[in-house]
Amino acid sequence: MASPQSSSAAGLQASDSSPGQYSALPSTSTLSSTLPPFLSTIPYIPSYVFARDSASRQVARKQLAPEALWAVHLGLAGSLGGFISGFYLGGRTRSYQFLAENAHRLPKTVAGWYYYHKYKNYEIAHFGFRSAARSALRFAAISAGFAAAEACVEHMIGKESWVATVAAGLGIAGTFSIANRLTLQYAKYALLFGAGSSLLVGILEDGYAWQYGESVKYAGRKRTDAFWIPGWGAIPTRQQESQQQQLDTA
């Protein structure tokens, strides 16, 4: 029986042909007390994100574990969504504020209206970009933190599962509630939203694994445990069902 040190060292070995062949999950479903191996590849993230050319990015990509790569991509997607929503909400809020601040001194000439709208658009853009930057950082941290928490839970239970997704969603929602000092009522709403949205994401991930027999997050990693329920087992994938039918008819 292999020791925990040897199993964790084996998990740190990445394939030099495809980053999807990197295996950071233990082969059994027993709880592991060691840290997830993908954490050791986090220092390579800046080299991947800020690579000057595609060749340098490919070299850095091979150094990243699939879990770290998924967290980076999810964080970038979250930052893009946060930037768009932050710019829209910040610009709209500043537009209403500008109208309220100048309602008593509206211009009376054509030139006055020109400069009025010009300054208004400047204010909208200025505050919109400030709000967009804050929202982009916040959404990126939440998205990347969710992916990292999900990978840590997967490492603990030894497999990908919607259970890890829901646990990560609840953890991020709880952290968000504490960081923003939400009241008990709003914290309940945050936890319910985190549990519901992460459950939906987990069902979609397991549905993809059931249909195609591989992970939607980690390229090249096979999955045979879709819709796994602790203590009950998993639903066979479509490929496993077809193979079983061929064996039954043979």
Protein backbone atom coordinates (compact mmCIF):
# COMPACT_ATOMS: atom_id res chain seq x y z
CA MET A 1 0.00 0.00 0.00
CA ALA A 2 1.44 3.34 -1.07
CA SER A 3 2.17 5.93 1.59
CA PRO A 4 0.45 9.36 1.53
CA GLN A 5 3.79 10.97 0.67
CA SER A 6 4.26 8.80 -2.40
CA SER A 7 0.69 9.29 -3.58
CA SER A 8 0.92 13.06 -3.23
CA ALA A 9 4.26 13.11 -5.02
CA ALA A 10 2.74 11.13 -7.86
CA GLY A 11 -0.09 13.64 -8.09
CA LEU A 12 2.42 16.46 -8.59
CA GLN A 13 3.80 14.94 -11.79
CA ALA A 14 2.31 16.69 -14.82
CA SER A 15 2.28 15.29 -18.34
CA ASP A 16 4.52 17.14 -20.81
CA SER A 17 2.18 16.36 -23.70
CA SER A 18 -1.08 17.75 -22.36
CA PRO A 19 -1.94 19.60 -19.16
CA GLY A 20 -5.22 17.69 -19.05
CA GLN A 21 -3.34 14.51 -18.10
CA TYR A 22 -2.19 16.07 -14.84
CA SER A 23 -3.82 14.06 -12.05
CA ALA A 24 -4.28 15.78 -8.71
CA LEU A 25 -7.11 13.62 -7.35
CA PRO A 26 -6.33 10.54 -5.25
CA SER A 27 -7.38 7.19 -6.64
CA THR A 28 -9.57 6.35 -3.64
CA SER A 29 -12.50 8.11 -2.07
CA THR A 30 -10.99 8.20 1.42
CA LEU A 31 -10.39 11.54 3.07
CA SER A 32 -6.91 12.91 2.55
CA SER A 33 -5.03 14.94 5.14
CA THR A 34 -2.46 16.25 2.65
CA LEU A 35 -2.78 19.57 0.87
CA PRO A 36 -4.14 19.50 -2.70
CA PRO A 37 -1.20 19.16 -5.13
CA PHE A 38 -2.57 21.87 -7.43
CA LEU A 39 -1.67 24.49 -4.80
CA SER A 40 2.01 24.00 -5.64
CA THR A 41 1.38 25.22 -9.22
CA ILE A 42 -0.18 28.56 -8.17
CA PRO A 43 3.16 30.47 -8.55
CA TYR A 44 3.01 29.75 -12.30
CA ILE A 45 -0.32 31.59 -12.72
CA PRO A 46 1.22 35.07 -13.34
CA SER A 47 3.47 33.60 -16.04
CA TYR A 48 0.39 32.17 -17.75
CA VAL A 49 -1.84 35.23 -17.41
CA PHE A 50 0.79 37.83 -18.38
CA ALA A 51 2.61 35.79 -21.04
CA ARG A 52 3.93 37.94 -23.89
CA ASP A 53 3.27 35.42 -26.65
CA SER A 54 1.45 32.16 -27.27
CA ALA A 55 4.60 30.06 -26.96
CA SER A 56 5.34 31.41 -23.48
CA ARG A 57 1.72 30.89 -22.50
CA GLN A 58 1.83 27.26 -23.62
CA VAL A 59 4.97 26.65 -21.57
CA ALA A 60 3.34 28.19 -18.50
CA ARG A 61 0.13 26.28 -19.17
CA LYS A 62 1.97 22.96 -18.94
CA GLN A 63 3.22 23.92 -15.48
CA LEU A 64 -0.32 24.49 -14.18
CA ALA A 65 -2.51 21.78 -12.76
CA PRO A 66 -5.95 21.51 -14.40
CA GLU A 67 -7.55 22.73 -11.17
CA ALA A 68 -5.41 25.88 -11.16
CA LEU A 69 -6.06 26.43 -14.85
CA TRP A 70 -9.81 26.12 -14.31
CA ALA A 71 -9.63 28.62 -11.44
CA VAL A 72 -7.76 31.10 -13.67
CA HIS A 73 -10.26 30.79 -16.51
CA LEU A 74 -13.21 31.06 -14.14
CA GLY A 75 -11.64 34.10 -12.49
CA LEU A 76 -11.09 35.80 -15.85
CA ALA A 77 -14.67 35.09 -16.87
CA GLY A 78 -15.89 36.45 -13.54
CA SER A 79 -13.82 39.60 -13.93
CA LEU A 80 -15.28 40.21 -17.38
CA GLY A 81 -18.83 39.79 -16.10
CA GLY A 82 -18.07 41.99 -13.10
CA PHE A 83 -16.56 44.71 -15.30
CA ILE A 84 -19.61 44.85 -17.57
CA SER A 85 -22.15 44.82 -14.75
CA GLY A 86 -20.11 47.25 -12.65
CA PHE A 87 -19.76 49.74 -15.50
CA TYR A 88 -23.48 49.62 -16.24
CA LEU A 89 -24.63 49.93 -12.63
CA GLY A 90 -22.03 52.55 -11.71
CA GLY A 91 -22.77 54.66 -14.78
CA ARG A 92 -26.51 54.47 -14.23
CA THR A 93 -26.20 55.44 -10.57
CA ARG A 94 -23.99 58.42 -11.41
CA SER A 95 -26.43 59.47 -14.14
CA TYR A 96 -29.28 59.66 -11.63
CA GLN A 97 -27.06 61.52 -9.16
CA PHE A 98 -26.05 64.03 -11.82
CA LEU A 99 -29.67 64.69 -12.75
CA ALA A 100 -30.59 65.23 -9.09
CA GLU A 101 -27.61 67.51 -8.44
CA ASN A 102 -28.37 69.76 -11.41
CA ALA A 103 -32.17 69.69 -11.44
CA HIS A 104 -32.30 73.23 -10.03
CA ARG A 105 -29.84 74.72 -12.53
CA LEU A 106 -30.70 73.34 -15.93
CA PRO A 107 -29.10 75.18 -18.86
CA LYS A 108 -31.15 77.60 -20.93
CA THR A 109 -29.09 77.81 -24.12
CA VAL A 110 -28.01 75.37 -26.80
CA ALA A 111 -24.37 75.74 -25.79
CA GLY A 112 -25.34 75.19 -22.17
CA TRP A 113 -27.13 71.95 -22.99
CA TYR A 114 -24.11 70.83 -25.04
CA TYR A 115 -21.73 71.24 -22.11
CA TYR A 116 -24.33 69.79 -19.74
CA HIS A 117 -24.51 66.51 -21.66
CA LYS A 118 -20.78 66.51 -22.31
CA TYR A 119 -19.96 66.78 -18.61
CA LYS A 120 -22.70 64.28 -17.76
CA ASN A 121 -21.21 61.69 -20.13
CA TYR A 122 -17.78 62.32 -18.65
CA GLU A 123 -19.11 61.73 -15.14
CA ILE A 124 -20.90 58.55 -16.24
CA ALA A 125 -17.75 57.17 -17.88
CA HIS A 126 -15.51 58.17 -14.96
CA PHE A 127 -17.63 56.62 -12.24
CA GLY A 128 -18.59 53.71 -14.49
CA PHE A 129 -14.96 52.66 -14.96
CA ARG A 130 -14.25 53.04 -11.24
CA SER A 131 -17.22 50.85 -10.37
CA ALA A 132 -16.27 48.40 -13.13
CA ALA A 133 -12.75 47.97 -11.76
CA ARG A 134 -14.02 47.27 -8.24
CA SER A 135 -16.67 44.83 -9.47
CA ALA A 136 -14.19 43.06 -11.75
CA LEU A 137 -11.80 42.43 -8.86
CA ARG A 138 -14.62 41.31 -6.58
CA PHE A 139 -16.16 38.94 -9.13
CA ALA A 140 -12.74 37.54 -10.10
CA ALA A 141 -11.92 36.78 -6.46
CA ILE A 142 -15.30 35.12 -5.89
CA SER A 143 -15.09 33.02 -9.08
CA ALA A 144 -11.48 31.92 -8.58
CA GLY A 145 -12.14 31.27 -4.88
CA PHE A 146 -15.12 29.11 -5.77
CA ALA A 147 -13.04 27.03 -8.21
CA ALA A 148 -10.22 26.64 -5.67
CA ALA A 149 -12.63 25.66 -2.88
CA GLU A 150 -14.31 23.14 -5.18
CA ALA A 151 -10.95 21.60 -6.06
CA CYS A 152 -10.02 21.35 -2.37
CA VAL A 153 -13.26 19.53 -1.54
CA GLU A 154 -12.73 17.24 -4.54
CA HIS A 155 -9.30 16.41 -3.18
CA MET A 156 -10.81 15.58 0.21
CA ILE A 157 -13.52 13.25 -1.10
CA GLY A 158 -11.29 11.84 -3.86
CA LYS A 159 -13.52 12.58 -6.87
CA GLU A 160 -15.38 15.24 -8.82
CA SER A 161 -18.96 15.56 -7.68
CA TRP A 162 -21.82 17.98 -7.31
CA VAL A 163 -21.26 17.53 -3.57
CA ALA A 164 -17.95 19.41 -3.87
CA THR A 165 -19.63 22.13 -5.93
CA VAL A 166 -22.38 22.70 -3.35
CA ALA A 167 -19.87 22.68 -0.49
CA ALA A 168 -17.74 25.27 -2.31
CA GLY A 169 -20.78 27.44 -3.02
CA LEU A 170 -21.81 27.40 0.64
CA GLY A 171 -18.26 28.19 1.73
CA ILE A 172 -17.93 31.16 -0.61
CA ALA A 173 -21.39 32.45 0.35
CA GLY A 174 -20.50 32.23 4.03
CA THR A 175 -17.18 33.99 3.47
CA PHE A 176 -18.93 36.72 1.47
CA SER A 177 -21.49 37.21 4.24
CA ILE A 178 -18.82 37.53 6.92
CA ALA A 179 -16.59 39.83 4.83
CA ASN A 180 -19.49 42.19 4.07
CA ARG A 181 -20.94 41.93 7.60
CA LEU A 182 -24.37 40.98 6.35
CA THR A 183 -27.25 40.71 8.76
CA LEU A 184 -28.56 37.28 9.65
CA GLN A 185 -31.48 37.60 7.25
CA TYR A 186 -29.32 38.66 4.30
CA ALA A 187 -26.74 36.00 5.19
CA LYS A 188 -29.50 33.40 4.88
CA TYR A 189 -30.35 34.74 1.43
CA ALA A 190 -26.67 34.61 0.45
CA LEU A 191 -26.35 31.00 1.63
CA LEU A 192 -29.52 29.98 -0.19
CA PHE A 193 -28.33 31.66 -3.37
CA GLY A 194 -24.89 30.06 -3.05
CA ALA A 195 -26.37 26.61 -2.45
CA GLY A 196 -28.91 26.88 -5.28
CA SER A 197 -26.54 28.28 -7.91
CA SER A 198 -23.75 25.84 -7.03
CA LEU A 199 -26.19 22.92 -7.10
CA LEU A 200 -27.22 23.95 -10.61
CA VAL A 201 -23.56 24.16 -11.67
CA GLY A 202 -22.85 20.76 -10.12
CA ILE A 203 -25.80 19.16 -11.92
CA LEU A 204 -24.61 20.60 -15.24
CA GLU A 205 -21.07 19.32 -14.63
CA ASP A 206 -22.29 15.85 -13.69
CA GLY A 207 -24.72 15.83 -16.61
CA TYR A 208 -21.83 16.49 -18.99
CA ALA A 209 -19.81 13.71 -17.35
CA TRP A 210 -22.76 11.31 -17.63
CA GLN A 211 -23.24 12.13 -21.31
CA TYR A 212 -19.60 12.14 -22.46
CA GLY A 213 -17.72 10.25 -19.75
CA GLU A 214 -15.16 12.98 -19.07
CA SER A 215 -14.78 16.13 -17.01
CA VAL A 216 -16.04 19.42 -18.40
CA LYS A 217 -13.53 21.34 -16.26
CA TYR A 218 -10.32 19.35 -16.60
CA ALA A 219 -9.47 18.52 -20.21
CA GLY A 220 -8.72 14.86 -20.86
CA ARG A 221 -9.74 13.60 -17.41
CA LYS A 222 -12.20 10.71 -17.52
CA ARG A 223 -15.19 10.62 -15.19
CA THR A 224 -17.15 7.51 -14.31
CA ASP A 225 -18.92 8.80 -11.20
CA ALA A 226 -21.60 11.19 -12.44
CA PHE A 227 -24.31 12.13 -9.93
CA TRP A 228 -22.40 10.44 -7.12
CA ILE A 229 -24.30 10.38 -3.82
CA PRO A 230 -22.34 9.66 -0.62
CA GLY A 231 -23.25 6.19 0.62
CA TRP A 232 -25.20 5.29 -2.54
CA GLY A 233 -22.74 5.33 -5.41
CA ALA A 234 -22.90 6.93 -8.85
CA ILE A 235 -25.02 6.65 -11.98
CA PRO A 236 -23.24 4.80 -14.84
CA THR A 237 -22.27 7.02 -17.77
CA ARG A 238 -23.65 6.53 -21.27
CA GLN A 239 -20.41 4.87 -22.35
CA GLN A 240 -20.54 2.45 -19.44
CA GLU A 241 -24.16 1.60 -20.24
CA SER A 242 -23.33 0.89 -23.89
CA GLN A 243 -20.33 -1.25 -22.91
CA GLN A 244 -22.49 -3.20 -20.47
CA GLN A 245 -25.11 -3.77 -23.17
CA GLN A 246 -22.43 -5.09 -25.52
CA LEU A 247 -21.21 -7.48 -22.83
CA ASP A 248 -24.76 -8.67 -22.15
CA THR A 249 -25.44 -9.35 -25.84
CA ALA A 250 -22.08 -11.08 -26.40
